[in-house]
């Protein structure tokens, strides 16, 4: 087991722990064994248990593989979704120019 100080804030570590709990609940609701999820996703039971605990050192590919094994891969599109990025949308609007000029076309349309 790795013992090192995480550089992530406590709130982020808490969210990772919640993510792991959500994955574990999804597995149980589907009545899938850990072995079944592991064989479908190509990971070891030890790696699955680390994911279920919310350990921050796992790669995003492990998360994607487990979600795919449980037919939840569509949920990855919700992570950092541009449509729900309220701070980013507000910042973008604040920096937009007041007036946007269209392309200037120097060729006159002489086709009547």
N, C-alpha and C. Protein backbone atom coordinates (compact mmCIF):
# COMPACT_ATOMS: atom_id res chain seq x y z
N UNK A 1 0.84 -1.17 0.00
CA UNK A 1 0.00 0.00 0.00
C UNK A 1 0.89 1.24 0.00
N UNK A 2 0.52 2.21 -0.80
CA UNK A 2 1.31 3.42 -0.92
C UNK A 2 0.94 4.39 0.20
N UNK A 3 1.96 4.95 0.81
CA UNK A 3 1.73 5.96 1.84
C UNK A 3 2.48 7.22 1.41
N UNK A 4 1.77 8.15 0.85
CA UNK A 4 2.38 9.43 0.50
C UNK A 4 1.32 10.51 0.63
N UNK A 5 1.80 11.69 0.85
CA UNK A 5 0.87 12.81 1.02
C UNK A 5 0.33 13.22 -0.34
N UNK A 6 -0.97 13.36 -0.41
CA UNK A 6 -1.61 13.76 -1.65
C UNK A 6 -1.51 15.27 -1.81
N UNK A 7 -1.35 15.69 -3.04
CA UNK A 7 -1.31 17.11 -3.35
C UNK A 7 -2.71 17.66 -3.60
N UNK A 8 -3.70 16.79 -3.55
CA UNK A 8 -5.07 17.21 -3.82
C UNK A 8 -5.71 17.79 -2.56
N UNK A 9 -6.57 18.79 -2.74
CA UNK A 9 -7.29 19.35 -1.59
C UNK A 9 -8.24 18.32 -0.98
N UNK A 10 -8.57 18.51 0.28
CA UNK A 10 -9.47 17.59 0.99
C UNK A 10 -10.81 17.46 0.28
N UNK A 11 -11.32 18.56 -0.27
CA UNK A 11 -12.62 18.49 -0.94
C UNK A 11 -12.56 17.58 -2.16
N UNK A 12 -11.44 17.62 -2.88
CA UNK A 12 -11.27 16.76 -4.05
C UNK A 12 -11.14 15.30 -3.62
N UNK A 13 -10.39 15.05 -2.56
CA UNK A 13 -10.26 13.68 -2.05
C UNK A 13 -11.62 13.14 -1.61
N UNK A 14 -12.42 14.00 -1.01
CA UNK A 14 -13.76 13.59 -0.59
C UNK A 14 -14.63 13.25 -1.79
N UNK A 15 -14.51 14.04 -2.86
CA UNK A 15 -15.28 13.76 -4.07
C UNK A 15 -14.84 12.46 -4.72
N UNK A 16 -13.54 12.16 -4.69
CA UNK A 16 -13.05 10.89 -5.23
C UNK A 16 -13.59 9.72 -4.41
N UNK A 17 -13.64 9.90 -3.11
CA UNK A 17 -14.20 8.86 -2.25
C UNK A 17 -15.68 8.63 -2.56
N UNK A 18 -16.41 9.71 -2.80
CA UNK A 18 -17.83 9.60 -3.16
C UNK A 18 -17.98 8.92 -4.52
N UNK A 19 -17.10 9.24 -5.46
CA UNK A 19 -17.12 8.60 -6.77
C UNK A 19 -16.94 7.09 -6.62
N UNK A 20 -15.98 6.69 -5.79
CA UNK A 20 -15.76 5.27 -5.55
C UNK A 20 -16.98 4.60 -4.94
N UNK A 21 -17.62 5.27 -4.00
CA UNK A 21 -18.83 4.73 -3.38
C UNK A 21 -19.96 4.61 -4.41
N UNK A 22 -20.05 5.58 -5.31
CA UNK A 22 -21.07 5.53 -6.36
C UNK A 22 -20.85 4.35 -7.30
N UNK A 23 -19.59 4.11 -7.64
CA UNK A 23 -19.26 2.98 -8.52
C UNK A 23 -19.60 1.66 -7.83
N UNK A 24 -19.28 1.57 -6.56
CA UNK A 24 -19.58 0.35 -5.80
C UNK A 24 -21.09 0.13 -5.72
N UNK A 25 -21.85 1.18 -5.49
CA UNK A 25 -23.31 1.07 -5.44
C UNK A 25 -23.87 0.63 -6.80
N UNK A 26 -23.33 1.20 -7.88
CA UNK A 26 -23.79 0.82 -9.23
C UNK A 26 -23.51 -0.66 -9.49
N UNK A 27 -22.35 -1.15 -9.05
CA UNK A 27 -22.00 -2.56 -9.22
C UNK A 27 -22.99 -3.45 -8.46
N UNK A 28 -23.28 -3.08 -7.23
CA UNK A 28 -24.19 -3.89 -6.41
C UNK A 28 -25.61 -3.86 -6.95
N UNK A 29 -26.06 -2.71 -7.43
CA UNK A 29 -27.40 -2.63 -8.01
C UNK A 29 -27.55 -3.53 -9.22
N UNK A 30 -26.46 -3.69 -9.95
CA UNK A 30 -26.48 -4.55 -11.14
C UNK A 30 -26.23 -6.01 -10.78
N UNK A 31 -26.01 -6.27 -9.51
CA UNK A 31 -25.74 -7.61 -9.00
C UNK A 31 -24.55 -8.25 -9.73
N UNK A 32 -23.51 -7.43 -9.93
CA UNK A 32 -22.28 -7.91 -10.56
C UNK A 32 -21.24 -8.16 -9.48
N UNK A 33 -20.52 -9.25 -9.62
CA UNK A 33 -19.43 -9.51 -8.69
C UNK A 33 -18.23 -8.65 -9.08
N UNK A 34 -17.33 -8.46 -8.13
CA UNK A 34 -16.11 -7.72 -8.42
C UNK A 34 -15.34 -8.43 -9.53
N UNK A 35 -15.32 -9.76 -9.49
CA UNK A 35 -14.61 -10.54 -10.50
C UNK A 35 -15.19 -10.30 -11.89
N UNK A 36 -16.50 -10.22 -11.99
CA UNK A 36 -17.14 -9.98 -13.29
C UNK A 36 -16.77 -8.61 -13.83
N UNK A 37 -16.86 -7.59 -12.98
CA UNK A 37 -16.50 -6.23 -13.41
C UNK A 37 -15.03 -6.18 -13.83
N UNK A 38 -14.18 -6.86 -13.07
CA UNK A 38 -12.75 -6.86 -13.37
C UNK A 38 -12.45 -7.57 -14.69
N UNK A 39 -13.11 -8.69 -14.94
CA UNK A 39 -12.86 -9.40 -16.20
C UNK A 39 -13.37 -8.60 -17.38
N UNK A 40 -14.50 -7.91 -17.22
CA UNK A 40 -15.04 -7.09 -18.31
C UNK A 40 -14.19 -5.85 -18.57
N UNK A 41 -13.58 -5.33 -17.52
CA UNK A 41 -12.83 -4.09 -17.68
C UNK A 41 -11.32 -4.30 -17.82
N UNK A 42 -10.86 -5.53 -17.61
CA UNK A 42 -9.44 -5.83 -17.79
C UNK A 42 -8.55 -5.31 -16.67
N UNK A 43 -9.08 -5.27 -15.46
CA UNK A 43 -8.29 -4.82 -14.31
C UNK A 43 -8.30 -5.92 -13.25
N UNK A 44 -7.45 -5.77 -12.25
CA UNK A 44 -7.39 -6.74 -11.16
C UNK A 44 -8.37 -6.34 -10.06
N UNK A 45 -8.78 -7.31 -9.23
CA UNK A 45 -9.64 -6.97 -8.09
C UNK A 45 -9.01 -5.93 -7.16
N UNK A 46 -7.70 -5.98 -7.02
CA UNK A 46 -7.00 -5.00 -6.18
C UNK A 46 -7.19 -3.59 -6.74
N UNK A 47 -7.06 -3.45 -8.06
CA UNK A 47 -7.25 -2.14 -8.69
C UNK A 47 -8.68 -1.68 -8.52
N UNK A 48 -9.63 -2.60 -8.66
CA UNK A 48 -11.04 -2.23 -8.46
C UNK A 48 -11.27 -1.73 -7.05
N UNK A 49 -10.73 -2.43 -6.07
CA UNK A 49 -10.92 -2.01 -4.68
C UNK A 49 -10.31 -0.62 -4.43
N UNK A 50 -9.17 -0.34 -5.07
CA UNK A 50 -8.57 1.00 -4.95
C UNK A 50 -9.49 2.05 -5.55
N UNK A 51 -10.11 1.74 -6.70
CA UNK A 51 -11.05 2.66 -7.32
C UNK A 51 -12.27 2.88 -6.42
N UNK A 52 -12.78 1.79 -5.85
CA UNK A 52 -13.96 1.88 -4.99
C UNK A 52 -13.67 2.67 -3.71
N UNK A 53 -12.42 2.70 -3.29
CA UNK A 53 -12.03 3.51 -2.13
C UNK A 53 -11.82 4.97 -2.49
N UNK A 54 -11.69 5.25 -3.78
CA UNK A 54 -11.47 6.62 -4.21
C UNK A 54 -10.01 7.04 -4.18
N UNK A 55 -9.10 6.08 -4.30
CA UNK A 55 -7.68 6.43 -4.29
C UNK A 55 -7.34 7.29 -5.51
N UNK A 56 -6.62 8.38 -5.29
CA UNK A 56 -6.37 9.34 -6.37
C UNK A 56 -5.31 8.92 -7.39
N UNK A 57 -4.55 7.88 -7.14
CA UNK A 57 -3.45 7.53 -8.03
C UNK A 57 -3.82 6.72 -9.26
N UNK A 58 -5.07 6.36 -9.42
CA UNK A 58 -5.48 5.53 -10.55
C UNK A 58 -5.67 6.38 -11.81
N UNK A 59 -5.41 5.77 -12.95
CA UNK A 59 -5.56 6.47 -14.22
C UNK A 59 -7.02 6.57 -14.64
N UNK A 60 -7.27 7.54 -15.49
CA UNK A 60 -8.64 7.76 -15.97
C UNK A 60 -9.11 6.59 -16.83
N UNK A 61 -8.17 5.86 -17.43
CA UNK A 61 -8.53 4.69 -18.23
C UNK A 61 -9.17 3.60 -17.39
N UNK A 62 -8.72 3.46 -16.15
CA UNK A 62 -9.31 2.47 -15.24
C UNK A 62 -10.76 2.85 -14.96
N UNK A 63 -10.99 4.12 -14.69
CA UNK A 63 -12.35 4.60 -14.46
C UNK A 63 -13.22 4.35 -15.68
N UNK A 64 -12.71 4.69 -16.86
CA UNK A 64 -13.47 4.51 -18.09
C UNK A 64 -13.79 3.03 -18.33
N UNK A 65 -12.83 2.15 -18.07
CA UNK A 65 -13.04 0.72 -18.29
C UNK A 65 -14.11 0.17 -17.36
N UNK A 66 -14.09 0.58 -16.10
CA UNK A 66 -15.08 0.08 -15.14
C UNK A 66 -16.46 0.63 -15.48
N UNK A 67 -16.55 1.91 -15.82
CA UNK A 67 -17.84 2.47 -16.21
C UNK A 67 -18.39 1.77 -17.45
N UNK A 68 -17.52 1.47 -18.39
CA UNK A 68 -17.93 0.76 -19.60
C UNK A 68 -18.42 -0.65 -19.27
N UNK A 69 -17.75 -1.31 -18.34
CA UNK A 69 -18.15 -2.66 -17.94
C UNK A 69 -19.54 -2.69 -17.33
N UNK A 70 -19.97 -1.55 -16.80
CA UNK A 70 -21.31 -1.47 -16.19
C UNK A 70 -22.28 -0.64 -17.03
N UNK A 71 -21.92 -0.41 -18.29
CA UNK A 71 -22.75 0.38 -19.22
C UNK A 71 -23.03 1.79 -18.71
N UNK A 72 -22.03 2.40 -18.09
CA UNK A 72 -22.15 3.77 -17.58
C UNK A 72 -21.17 4.72 -18.25
N UNK A 73 -20.57 4.30 -19.36
CA UNK A 73 -19.53 5.12 -19.98
C UNK A 73 -20.05 6.48 -20.45
N UNK A 74 -21.34 6.59 -20.70
CA UNK A 74 -21.91 7.88 -21.10
C UNK A 74 -21.77 8.94 -20.02
N UNK A 75 -21.63 8.51 -18.78
CA UNK A 75 -21.48 9.46 -17.68
C UNK A 75 -20.15 10.22 -17.75
N UNK A 76 -19.18 9.69 -18.48
CA UNK A 76 -17.91 10.40 -18.62
C UNK A 76 -18.10 11.74 -19.33
N UNK A 77 -19.08 11.82 -20.20
CA UNK A 77 -19.34 13.06 -20.93
C UNK A 77 -19.82 14.16 -19.99
N UNK A 78 -20.29 13.80 -18.81
CA UNK A 78 -20.77 14.79 -17.85
C UNK A 78 -19.64 15.45 -17.07
N UNK A 79 -18.46 14.83 -17.09
CA UNK A 79 -17.32 15.39 -16.36
C UNK A 79 -16.83 16.64 -17.08
N UNK A 80 -16.79 17.74 -16.39
CA UNK A 80 -16.35 19.03 -16.93
C UNK A 80 -17.13 19.42 -18.18
N UNK A 81 -18.40 19.12 -18.20
CA UNK A 81 -19.26 19.43 -19.33
C UNK A 81 -19.32 20.94 -19.56
N UNK A 82 -19.07 21.40 -20.79
CA UNK A 82 -19.11 22.84 -21.06
C UNK A 82 -20.45 23.48 -20.74
N UNK A 83 -21.53 22.74 -20.89
CA UNK A 83 -22.85 23.32 -20.64
C UNK A 83 -23.12 23.54 -19.15
N UNK A 84 -22.42 22.84 -18.28
CA UNK A 84 -22.63 23.04 -16.85
C UNK A 84 -21.48 23.79 -16.18
N UNK A 85 -20.59 24.37 -16.97
CA UNK A 85 -19.45 25.14 -16.46
C UNK A 85 -19.87 26.60 -16.29
N UNK A 86 -20.60 26.88 -15.23
CA UNK A 86 -21.15 28.22 -15.02
C UNK A 86 -20.06 29.28 -14.89
N UNK A 87 -18.98 28.97 -14.19
CA UNK A 87 -17.89 29.93 -14.03
C UNK A 87 -17.26 30.24 -15.37
N UNK A 88 -16.98 29.21 -16.15
CA UNK A 88 -16.38 29.40 -17.47
C UNK A 88 -17.28 30.20 -18.41
N UNK A 89 -18.57 29.91 -18.37
CA UNK A 89 -19.52 30.63 -19.23
C UNK A 89 -19.56 32.10 -18.84
N UNK A 90 -19.58 32.38 -17.55
CA UNK A 90 -19.60 33.77 -17.08
C UNK A 90 -18.33 34.50 -17.50
N UNK A 91 -17.18 33.86 -17.36
CA UNK A 91 -15.91 34.48 -17.74
C UNK A 91 -15.86 34.73 -19.25
N UNK A 92 -16.35 33.78 -20.02
CA UNK A 92 -16.36 33.92 -21.47
C UNK A 92 -17.23 35.10 -21.89
N UNK A 93 -18.39 35.22 -21.28
CA UNK A 93 -19.29 36.33 -21.62
C UNK A 93 -18.69 37.67 -21.24
N UNK A 94 -17.97 37.72 -20.14
CA UNK A 94 -17.37 38.98 -19.69
C UNK A 94 -16.27 39.46 -20.62
N UNK A 95 -15.64 38.54 -21.34
CA UNK A 95 -14.53 38.91 -22.22
C UNK A 95 -14.90 38.95 -23.69
N UNK A 96 -16.17 38.81 -24.00
CA UNK A 96 -16.58 38.88 -25.40
C UNK A 96 -16.60 40.34 -25.84
N UNK A 97 -16.19 40.58 -27.07
CA UNK A 97 -16.27 41.96 -27.57
C UNK A 97 -17.73 42.39 -27.66
N UNK A 98 -17.94 43.69 -27.52
CA UNK A 98 -19.31 44.20 -27.58
C UNK A 98 -19.88 44.10 -28.98
N UNK A 99 -19.01 44.22 -29.96
CA UNK A 99 -19.47 44.20 -31.34
C UNK A 99 -18.58 43.27 -32.14
N UNK A 100 -19.18 42.41 -32.90
CA UNK A 100 -18.43 41.50 -33.76
C UNK A 100 -18.75 41.87 -35.19
N UNK A 101 -17.73 42.22 -35.93
CA UNK A 101 -17.92 42.61 -37.33
C UNK A 101 -17.93 41.37 -38.21
N UNK A 102 -18.77 41.41 -39.21
CA UNK A 102 -18.81 40.32 -40.17
C UNK A 102 -17.63 40.41 -41.13
N UNK A 103 -17.46 39.38 -41.91
CA UNK A 103 -16.37 39.39 -42.89
C UNK A 103 -16.65 40.46 -43.94
N UNK A 104 -15.60 41.16 -44.30
CA UNK A 104 -15.74 42.18 -45.34
C UNK A 104 -15.52 41.52 -46.68
N UNK A 105 -16.46 41.71 -47.56
CA UNK A 105 -16.39 41.12 -48.88
C UNK A 105 -16.15 42.25 -49.88
N UNK A 106 -14.96 42.28 -50.46
CA UNK A 106 -14.61 43.33 -51.41
C UNK A 106 -15.16 43.05 -52.80
N UNK A 107 -15.57 41.83 -53.04
CA UNK A 107 -16.13 41.48 -54.35
C UNK A 107 -17.61 41.85 -54.34
N UNK A 108 -17.98 42.77 -55.20
CA UNK A 108 -19.38 43.17 -55.29
C UNK A 108 -20.16 42.10 -56.02
N UNK A 109 -21.32 41.84 -55.53
CA UNK A 109 -22.18 40.86 -56.17
C UNK A 109 -22.92 41.56 -57.31
N UNK A 110 -22.49 41.27 -58.52
CA UNK A 110 -23.10 41.91 -59.69
C UNK A 110 -24.10 40.99 -60.37
N UNK A 111 -24.44 39.93 -59.74
CA UNK A 111 -25.39 39.00 -60.32
C UNK A 111 -26.79 39.42 -59.90
N UNK A 112 -27.53 40.07 -60.83
CA UNK A 112 -28.86 40.59 -60.51
C UNK A 112 -29.87 39.57 -60.81
